[in-house]
Amino acid sequence: MEGCYAGSDRCISGGILSLRRFIEEHREAINHDLISSAGIEIGDIGGSLSWGAFGSFVKHLSVDSALFRELHPEVEDWGTRLRTNIILADIFDVLAQINSNLIAGFSHKKSKKPERYTRPWAKKKFKKIGSAVKRNELHAWMEMKRREANINHGK
């Protein structure tokens, strides 16, 4: 038979046999992904879910799937939506602080101190983060950077 040789996992039924071995090695993670993503269980493979469809399902699982996290423990924490949301909340906080500093530096109004983005696991409101830079300090820093840029450009 074409493509079939001794020791090969992929003969006529080799694809199914290798998928069966894979299922046994990762049963819990696969069952979790099937239930949470497709609403079916491992027992449905070969029945309402064909072996080919199951192979495609496994091949295209996302990085936040239980199977991916099991196969790649070194990036387990990075493959979750929670981790991404934590990073985005941290970026939001930093940008809010920068915005507050810019408002204080360029306006004659005192800016409000920014509040941290609310995390759902926080039981109480976070304290405000930092304080705005004083306008004269920001202007002095900006003037110093402008002069440095002019010197570097030969002006």
N, C-alpha and C. Protein backbone atom coordinates (compact mmCIF):
# COMPACT_ATOMS: atom_id res chain seq x y z
N MET A 1 0.84 -1.19 0.00
CA MET A 1 0.00 0.00 0.00
C MET A 1 0.88 1.25 0.00
N GLU A 2 0.44 2.28 -0.69
CA GLU A 2 1.21 3.51 -0.75
C GLU A 2 1.24 4.17 0.63
N GLY A 3 2.45 4.61 1.03
CA GLY A 3 2.59 5.33 2.29
C GLY A 3 2.48 4.44 3.51
N CYS A 4 2.36 3.13 3.33
CA CYS A 4 2.23 2.23 4.47
C CYS A 4 3.48 1.38 4.55
N TYR A 5 4.16 1.46 5.67
CA TYR A 5 5.38 0.69 5.84
C TYR A 5 5.48 0.22 7.29
N ALA A 6 6.33 -0.75 7.52
CA ALA A 6 6.46 -1.33 8.86
C ALA A 6 6.84 -0.25 9.86
N GLY A 7 6.16 -0.22 10.96
CA GLY A 7 6.44 0.76 12.02
C GLY A 7 5.77 2.10 11.82
N SER A 8 5.07 2.27 10.72
CA SER A 8 4.41 3.55 10.46
C SER A 8 3.14 3.67 11.29
N ASP A 9 2.90 4.85 11.80
CA ASP A 9 1.66 5.12 12.51
C ASP A 9 0.52 5.41 11.54
N ARG A 10 0.86 5.71 10.30
CA ARG A 10 -0.16 6.14 9.35
C ARG A 10 -0.33 5.12 8.24
N CYS A 11 -1.04 4.06 8.52
CA CYS A 11 -1.49 3.15 7.48
C CYS A 11 -2.97 3.43 7.31
N ILE A 12 -3.72 2.52 6.79
CA ILE A 12 -5.14 2.76 6.54
C ILE A 12 -5.86 3.22 7.81
N SER A 13 -5.64 2.53 8.92
CA SER A 13 -6.28 2.95 10.16
C SER A 13 -5.27 3.59 11.11
N GLY A 14 -4.05 3.82 10.64
CA GLY A 14 -3.01 4.36 11.50
C GLY A 14 -3.33 5.73 12.05
N GLY A 15 -4.02 6.55 11.27
CA GLY A 15 -4.40 7.88 11.76
C GLY A 15 -5.31 7.77 12.96
N ILE A 16 -6.27 6.87 12.88
CA ILE A 16 -7.20 6.66 13.99
C ILE A 16 -6.45 6.06 15.18
N LEU A 17 -5.56 5.10 14.90
CA LEU A 17 -4.81 4.48 15.99
C LEU A 17 -3.94 5.51 16.71
N SER A 18 -3.30 6.37 15.97
CA SER A 18 -2.46 7.38 16.62
C SER A 18 -3.33 8.38 17.38
N LEU A 19 -4.51 8.72 16.85
CA LEU A 19 -5.43 9.60 17.59
C LEU A 19 -5.91 8.93 18.88
N ARG A 20 -6.16 7.62 18.83
CA ARG A 20 -6.58 6.89 20.04
C ARG A 20 -5.48 6.95 21.11
N ARG A 21 -4.23 6.75 20.70
CA ARG A 21 -3.12 6.83 21.65
C ARG A 21 -3.02 8.25 22.23
N PHE A 22 -3.19 9.23 21.35
CA PHE A 22 -3.13 10.63 21.79
C PHE A 22 -4.24 10.92 22.81
N ILE A 23 -5.43 10.39 22.54
CA ILE A 23 -6.56 10.59 23.46
C ILE A 23 -6.23 9.99 24.83
N GLU A 24 -5.69 8.78 24.83
CA GLU A 24 -5.37 8.13 26.09
C GLU A 24 -4.32 8.91 26.87
N GLU A 25 -3.37 9.52 26.19
CA GLU A 25 -2.32 10.29 26.86
C GLU A 25 -2.84 11.61 27.43
N HIS A 26 -3.88 12.16 26.81
CA HIS A 26 -4.35 13.51 27.18
C HIS A 26 -5.87 13.52 27.39
N ARG A 27 -6.41 12.44 27.91
CA ARG A 27 -7.86 12.26 28.02
C ARG A 27 -8.56 13.41 28.72
N GLU A 28 -8.09 13.81 29.87
CA GLU A 28 -8.79 14.83 30.65
C GLU A 28 -8.82 16.18 29.93
N ALA A 29 -7.68 16.60 29.39
CA ALA A 29 -7.63 17.89 28.70
C ALA A 29 -8.50 17.88 27.44
N ILE A 30 -8.44 16.78 26.69
CA ILE A 30 -9.25 16.68 25.46
C ILE A 30 -10.72 16.70 25.81
N ASN A 31 -11.11 15.94 26.83
CA ASN A 31 -12.52 15.91 27.22
C ASN A 31 -12.99 17.30 27.64
N HIS A 32 -12.16 18.01 28.39
CA HIS A 32 -12.52 19.38 28.79
C HIS A 32 -12.73 20.27 27.56
N ASP A 33 -11.80 20.21 26.62
CA ASP A 33 -11.91 21.06 25.42
C ASP A 33 -13.13 20.69 24.58
N LEU A 34 -13.40 19.40 24.44
CA LEU A 34 -14.58 18.98 23.67
C LEU A 34 -15.86 19.47 24.32
N ILE A 35 -15.97 19.32 25.63
CA ILE A 35 -17.18 19.74 26.33
C ILE A 35 -17.35 21.25 26.28
N SER A 36 -16.27 21.98 26.58
CA SER A 36 -16.39 23.44 26.64
C SER A 36 -16.49 24.10 25.26
N SER A 37 -15.89 23.50 24.24
CA SER A 37 -15.90 24.11 22.91
C SER A 37 -17.03 23.62 22.03
N ALA A 38 -17.33 22.32 22.10
CA ALA A 38 -18.29 21.75 21.15
C ALA A 38 -19.51 21.12 21.83
N GLY A 39 -19.48 21.02 23.14
CA GLY A 39 -20.62 20.43 23.85
C GLY A 39 -20.73 18.93 23.67
N ILE A 40 -19.65 18.27 23.34
CA ILE A 40 -19.65 16.81 23.18
C ILE A 40 -18.53 16.21 24.02
N GLU A 41 -18.54 14.90 24.17
CA GLU A 41 -17.54 14.22 24.99
C GLU A 41 -16.70 13.28 24.14
N ILE A 42 -15.66 12.74 24.76
CA ILE A 42 -14.77 11.81 24.06
C ILE A 42 -15.56 10.64 23.48
N GLY A 43 -16.56 10.19 24.18
CA GLY A 43 -17.37 9.05 23.71
C GLY A 43 -18.07 9.31 22.38
N ASP A 44 -18.21 10.56 22.00
CA ASP A 44 -18.86 10.90 20.74
C ASP A 44 -17.94 10.78 19.53
N ILE A 45 -16.63 10.61 19.79
CA ILE A 45 -15.67 10.48 18.69
C ILE A 45 -15.90 9.14 17.99
N GLY A 46 -16.00 9.20 16.70
CA GLY A 46 -16.28 8.01 15.90
C GLY A 46 -17.77 7.83 15.68
N GLY A 47 -18.58 8.58 16.41
CA GLY A 47 -20.03 8.55 16.25
C GLY A 47 -20.49 9.87 15.67
N SER A 48 -21.07 10.72 16.55
CA SER A 48 -21.56 12.02 16.08
C SER A 48 -20.41 12.94 15.67
N LEU A 49 -19.19 12.66 16.15
CA LEU A 49 -18.01 13.41 15.74
C LEU A 49 -17.07 12.45 15.02
N SER A 50 -16.88 12.66 13.73
CA SER A 50 -16.02 11.74 12.96
C SER A 50 -14.57 11.88 13.41
N TRP A 51 -13.79 10.85 13.10
CA TRP A 51 -12.37 10.88 13.44
C TRP A 51 -11.66 12.02 12.72
N GLY A 52 -12.03 12.27 11.49
CA GLY A 52 -11.43 13.38 10.73
C GLY A 52 -11.75 14.73 11.36
N ALA A 53 -13.01 14.88 11.77
CA ALA A 53 -13.41 16.14 12.42
C ALA A 53 -12.69 16.30 13.76
N PHE A 54 -12.52 15.20 14.48
CA PHE A 54 -11.79 15.26 15.75
C PHE A 54 -10.33 15.67 15.51
N GLY A 55 -9.72 15.10 14.48
CA GLY A 55 -8.34 15.46 14.14
C GLY A 55 -8.22 16.94 13.83
N SER A 56 -9.17 17.48 13.09
CA SER A 56 -9.17 18.92 12.78
C SER A 56 -9.39 19.74 14.03
N PHE A 57 -10.27 19.27 14.91
CA PHE A 57 -10.56 19.96 16.16
C PHE A 57 -9.28 20.11 16.98
N VAL A 58 -8.55 19.00 17.13
CA VAL A 58 -7.32 19.01 17.92
C VAL A 58 -6.26 19.88 17.25
N LYS A 59 -6.13 19.79 15.95
CA LYS A 59 -5.11 20.53 15.22
C LYS A 59 -5.29 22.04 15.34
N HIS A 60 -6.54 22.48 15.48
CA HIS A 60 -6.81 23.92 15.46
C HIS A 60 -7.29 24.47 16.80
N LEU A 61 -6.97 23.78 17.89
CA LEU A 61 -7.31 24.30 19.20
C LEU A 61 -6.52 25.58 19.47
N SER A 62 -7.12 26.48 20.20
CA SER A 62 -6.45 27.76 20.49
C SER A 62 -5.45 27.62 21.63
N VAL A 63 -4.66 28.65 21.81
CA VAL A 63 -3.63 28.62 22.84
C VAL A 63 -4.20 28.66 24.25
N ASP A 64 -5.47 28.99 24.40
CA ASP A 64 -6.04 28.97 25.74
C ASP A 64 -6.81 27.67 26.02
N SER A 65 -6.63 26.67 25.17
CA SER A 65 -7.28 25.37 25.39
C SER A 65 -6.51 24.58 26.45
N ALA A 66 -7.22 23.67 27.10
CA ALA A 66 -6.59 22.82 28.12
C ALA A 66 -5.51 21.94 27.50
N LEU A 67 -5.76 21.44 26.29
CA LEU A 67 -4.78 20.58 25.64
C LEU A 67 -3.49 21.35 25.32
N PHE A 68 -3.61 22.54 24.80
CA PHE A 68 -2.42 23.34 24.50
C PHE A 68 -1.62 23.60 25.77
N ARG A 69 -2.31 23.96 26.86
CA ARG A 69 -1.62 24.23 28.11
C ARG A 69 -0.92 22.98 28.64
N GLU A 70 -1.54 21.81 28.43
CA GLU A 70 -0.92 20.56 28.87
C GLU A 70 0.30 20.21 28.02
N LEU A 71 0.22 20.45 26.72
CA LEU A 71 1.32 20.13 25.83
C LEU A 71 2.47 21.14 25.91
N HIS A 72 2.16 22.36 26.35
CA HIS A 72 3.16 23.43 26.40
C HIS A 72 3.16 24.08 27.79
N PRO A 73 3.59 23.36 28.81
CA PRO A 73 3.52 23.93 30.17
C PRO A 73 4.40 25.16 30.36
N GLU A 74 5.43 25.33 29.53
CA GLU A 74 6.31 26.48 29.67
C GLU A 74 5.62 27.80 29.33
N VAL A 75 4.53 27.75 28.56
CA VAL A 75 3.80 28.98 28.21
C VAL A 75 2.37 28.94 28.74
N GLU A 76 2.13 28.07 29.70
CA GLU A 76 0.77 27.88 30.20
C GLU A 76 0.13 29.18 30.66
N ASP A 77 0.84 29.97 31.47
CA ASP A 77 0.27 31.21 31.97
C ASP A 77 0.04 32.25 30.89
N TRP A 78 0.81 32.20 29.82
CA TRP A 78 0.69 33.20 28.77
C TRP A 78 -0.41 32.88 27.78
N GLY A 79 -0.95 31.68 27.83
CA GLY A 79 -1.97 31.30 26.88
C GLY A 79 -3.38 31.46 27.41
N THR A 80 -3.55 32.30 28.43
CA THR A 80 -4.88 32.46 28.99
C THR A 80 -5.40 33.88 28.78
N ARG A 81 -6.69 33.99 28.69
CA ARG A 81 -7.30 35.31 28.55
C ARG A 81 -7.09 36.14 29.80
N LEU A 82 -7.08 35.47 30.95
CA LEU A 82 -6.86 36.19 32.20
C LEU A 82 -5.51 36.90 32.18
N ARG A 83 -4.47 36.21 31.74
CA ARG A 83 -3.14 36.80 31.67
C ARG A 83 -3.15 38.01 30.73
N THR A 84 -3.79 37.87 29.60
CA THR A 84 -3.89 38.97 28.64
C THR A 84 -4.64 40.15 29.25
N ASN A 85 -5.73 39.86 29.96
CA ASN A 85 -6.51 40.94 30.57
C ASN A 85 -5.73 41.64 31.68
N ILE A 86 -4.93 40.90 32.42
CA ILE A 86 -4.09 41.52 33.45
C ILE A 86 -3.09 42.48 32.81
N ILE A 87 -2.46 42.03 31.74
CA ILE A 87 -1.49 42.88 31.03
C ILE A 87 -2.18 44.12 30.48
N LEU A 88 -3.36 43.97 29.89
CA LEU A 88 -4.08 45.12 29.35
C LEU A 88 -4.47 46.10 30.45
N ALA A 89 -4.89 45.59 31.61
CA ALA A 89 -5.23 46.48 32.72
C ALA A 89 -4.01 47.24 33.20
N ASP A 90 -2.85 46.57 33.25
CA ASP A 90 -1.61 47.24 33.64
C ASP A 90 -1.25 48.34 32.64
N ILE A 91 -1.40 48.05 31.35
CA ILE A 91 -1.12 49.06 30.31
C ILE A 91 -2.08 50.23 30.46
N PHE A 92 -3.34 49.95 30.73
CA PHE A 92 -4.34 51.01 30.94
C PHE A 92 -3.90 51.92 32.08
N ASP A 93 -3.44 51.32 33.18
CA ASP A 93 -3.02 52.11 34.34
C ASP A 93 -1.84 53.02 34.00
N VAL A 94 -0.87 52.49 33.28
CA VAL A 94 0.31 53.29 32.91
C VAL A 94 -0.09 54.43 31.98
N LEU A 95 -0.95 54.14 31.01
CA LEU A 95 -1.38 55.19 30.08
C LEU A 95 -2.20 56.27 30.80
N ALA A 96 -3.01 55.86 31.77
CA ALA A 96 -3.77 56.84 32.54
C ALA A 96 -2.84 57.76 33.32
N GLN A 97 -1.77 57.21 33.87
CA GLN A 97 -0.80 58.02 34.60
C GLN A 97 -0.08 58.98 33.66
N ILE A 98 0.33 58.49 32.50
CA ILE A 98 0.99 59.34 31.50
C ILE A 98 0.06 60.47 31.07
N ASN A 99 -1.19 60.13 30.80
CA ASN A 99 -2.17 61.13 30.39
C ASN A 99 -2.35 62.19 31.47
N SER A 100 -2.41 61.76 32.71
CA SER A 100 -2.55 62.70 33.81
C SER A 100 -1.36 63.63 33.89
N ASN A 101 -0.16 63.07 33.71
CA ASN A 101 1.05 63.89 33.73
C ASN A 101 1.06 64.91 32.59
N LEU A 102 0.63 64.50 31.41
CA LEU A 102 0.59 65.43 30.26
C LEU A 102 -0.42 66.54 30.48
N ILE A 103 -1.58 66.19 31.01
CA ILE A 103 -2.60 67.21 31.29
C ILE A 103 -2.07 68.22 32.29
N ALA A 104 -1.42 67.73 33.32
CA ALA A 104 -0.87 68.64 34.33
C ALA A 104 0.23 69.51 33.74
N GLY A 105 1.00 68.96 32.81
CA GLY A 105 2.12 69.70 32.24
C GLY A 105 1.72 70.76 31.24
N PHE A 106 0.62 70.55 30.54
CA PHE A 106 0.25 71.47 29.46
C PHE A 106 -0.97 72.34 29.75
N SER A 107 -1.58 72.15 30.89
CA SER A 107 -2.76 72.97 31.19
C SER A 107 -2.54 73.72 32.49
N HIS A 108 -3.37 74.65 32.71
CA HIS A 108 -3.29 75.40 33.97
C HIS A 108 -4.21 74.79 35.01
N LYS A 109 -4.89 73.74 34.64
CA LYS A 109 -5.78 73.05 35.58
C LYS A 109 -5.03 71.90 36.21
N LYS A 110 -5.37 71.63 37.42
CA LYS A 110 -4.77 70.48 38.08
C LYS A 110 -5.55 69.24 37.64
N SER A 111 -4.82 68.23 37.18
CA SER A 111 -5.50 67.03 36.71
C SER A 111 -5.86 66.13 37.88
N LYS A 112 -6.87 65.32 37.67
CA LYS A 112 -7.26 64.35 38.69
C LYS A 112 -6.24 63.21 38.69
N LYS A 113 -5.99 62.67 39.83
CA LYS A 113 -5.11 61.51 39.92
C LYS A 113 -5.86 60.32 39.34
N PRO A 114 -5.20 59.56 38.47
CA PRO A 114 -5.91 58.43 37.84
C PRO A 114 -6.12 57.28 38.83
N GLU A 115 -7.18 56.55 38.62
CA GLU A 115 -7.45 55.36 39.42
C GLU A 115 -7.12 54.14 38.60
N ARG A 116 -6.68 53.10 39.28
CA ARG A 116 -6.34 51.86 38.58
C ARG A 116 -7.59 51.26 37.96
N TYR A 117 -7.40 50.57 36.87
CA TYR A 117 -8.48 49.82 36.23
C TYR A 117 -8.95 48.76 37.23
N THR A 118 -10.23 48.67 37.45
CA THR A 118 -10.77 47.75 38.45
C THR A 118 -10.57 46.31 38.03
N ARG A 119 -9.94 45.53 38.90
CA ARG A 119 -9.75 44.10 38.66
C ARG A 119 -10.91 43.37 39.33
N PRO A 120 -11.52 42.38 38.66
CA PRO A 120 -12.71 41.72 39.21
C PRO A 120 -12.45 40.99 40.53
N TRP A 121 -11.23 40.60 40.81
CA TRP A 121 -10.94 39.87 42.03
C TRP A 121 -10.64 40.79 43.20
N ALA A 122 -10.56 42.09 42.93
CA ALA A 122 -10.26 43.04 44.00
C ALA A 122 -11.53 43.29 44.81
N LYS A 123 -11.43 43.09 46.12
CA LYS A 123 -12.60 43.28 46.99
C LYS A 123 -12.82 44.74 47.32
N LYS A 124 -11.73 45.48 47.33
CA LYS A 124 -11.86 46.90 47.62
C LYS A 124 -11.23 47.70 46.51
N LYS A 125 -11.59 48.94 46.47
CA LYS A 125 -11.06 49.83 45.44
C LYS A 125 -9.57 50.06 45.68
N PHE A 126 -8.79 50.03 44.61
CA PHE A 126 -7.36 50.27 44.72
C PHE A 126 -7.11 51.73 45.04
N LYS A 127 -5.99 51.98 45.66
CA LYS A 127 -5.57 53.35 45.88
C LYS A 127 -5.18 53.96 44.55
N LYS A 128 -5.22 55.26 44.51
CA LYS A 128 -4.80 55.94 43.28
C LYS A 128 -3.33 55.68 43.06
N ILE A 129 -2.96 55.64 41.78
CA ILE A 129 -1.56 55.33 41.47
C ILE A 129 -0.78 56.61 41.23
N GLY A 130 0.19 56.83 42.05
CA GLY A 130 1.09 57.94 41.85
C GLY A 130 0.42 59.30 41.90
N SER A 131 1.15 60.27 41.48
CA SER A 131 0.62 61.62 41.40
C SER A 131 1.16 62.25 40.13
N ALA A 132 0.50 63.27 39.72
CA ALA A 132 0.92 63.95 38.49
C ALA A 132 2.24 64.67 38.72
N VAL A 133 3.04 64.74 37.68
CA VAL A 133 4.30 65.48 37.74
C VAL A 133 3.95 66.96 37.76
N LYS A 134 4.67 67.72 38.54
CA LYS A 134 4.43 69.16 38.60
C LYS A 134 4.72 69.77 37.24
N ARG A 135 3.91 70.76 36.89
CA ARG A 135 4.00 71.36 35.57
C ARG A 135 5.38 71.92 35.29
N ASN A 136 5.98 72.62 36.22
CA ASN A 136 7.29 73.21 35.96
C ASN A 136 8.36 72.13 35.78
N GLU A 137 8.25 70.98 36.49
CA GLU A 137 9.20 69.88 36.30
C GLU A 137 9.05 69.27 34.91
N LEU A 138 7.81 69.10 34.47
CA LEU A 138 7.58 68.53 33.14
C LEU A 138 8.08 69.48 32.05
N HIS A 139 7.81 70.77 32.20
CA HIS A 139 8.28 71.74 31.21
C HIS A 139 9.80 71.76 31.16
N ALA A 140 10.45 71.70 32.31
CA ALA A 140 11.92 71.71 32.35
C ALA A 140 12.46 70.46 31.66
N TRP A 141 11.85 69.33 31.91
CA TRP A 141 12.30 68.08 31.27
C TRP A 141 12.10 68.15 29.76
N MET A 142 10.92 68.65 29.33
CA MET A 142 10.63 68.75 27.90
C MET A 142 11.60 69.72 27.22
N GLU A 143 11.94 70.83 27.88
CA GLU A 143 12.88 71.80 27.32
C GLU A 143 14.27 71.18 27.19
N MET A 144 14.68 70.40 28.19
CA MET A 144 15.97 69.73 28.14
C MET A 144 16.01 68.76 26.96
N LYS A 145 14.95 67.99 26.76
CA LYS A 145 14.90 67.03 25.65
C LYS A 145 14.90 67.74 24.31
N ARG A 146 14.21 68.90 24.23
CA ARG A 146 14.18 69.67 22.99
C ARG A 146 15.58 70.17 22.64
N ARG A 147 16.29 70.66 23.66
CA ARG A 147 17.66 71.15 23.43
C ARG A 147 18.58 70.01 23.01
N GLU A 148 18.46 68.86 23.66
CA GLU A 148 19.27 67.70 23.27
C GLU A 148 19.02 67.32 21.82
N ALA A 149 17.76 67.34 21.41
CA ALA A 149 17.41 66.98 20.03
C ALA A 149 18.00 68.00 19.06
N ASN A 150 17.96 69.27 19.41
CA ASN A 150 18.52 70.31 18.55
C ASN A 150 20.02 70.17 18.41
N ILE A 151 20.70 69.86 19.51
CA ILE A 151 22.15 69.66 19.48
C ILE A 151 22.49 68.47 18.60
N ASN A 152 21.75 67.40 18.74
CA ASN A 152 22.01 66.20 17.95
C ASN A 152 21.73 66.38 16.47
N HIS A 153 20.86 67.34 16.14
CA HIS A 153 20.55 67.59 14.73
C HIS A 153 21.32 68.79 14.18
N GLY A 154 22.27 69.30 14.95
CA GLY A 154 23.14 70.37 14.47
C GLY A 154 22.50 71.73 14.41
N LYS A 155 21.47 71.99 15.18
CA LYS A 155 20.80 73.29 15.15
C LYS A 155 21.33 74.18 16.24
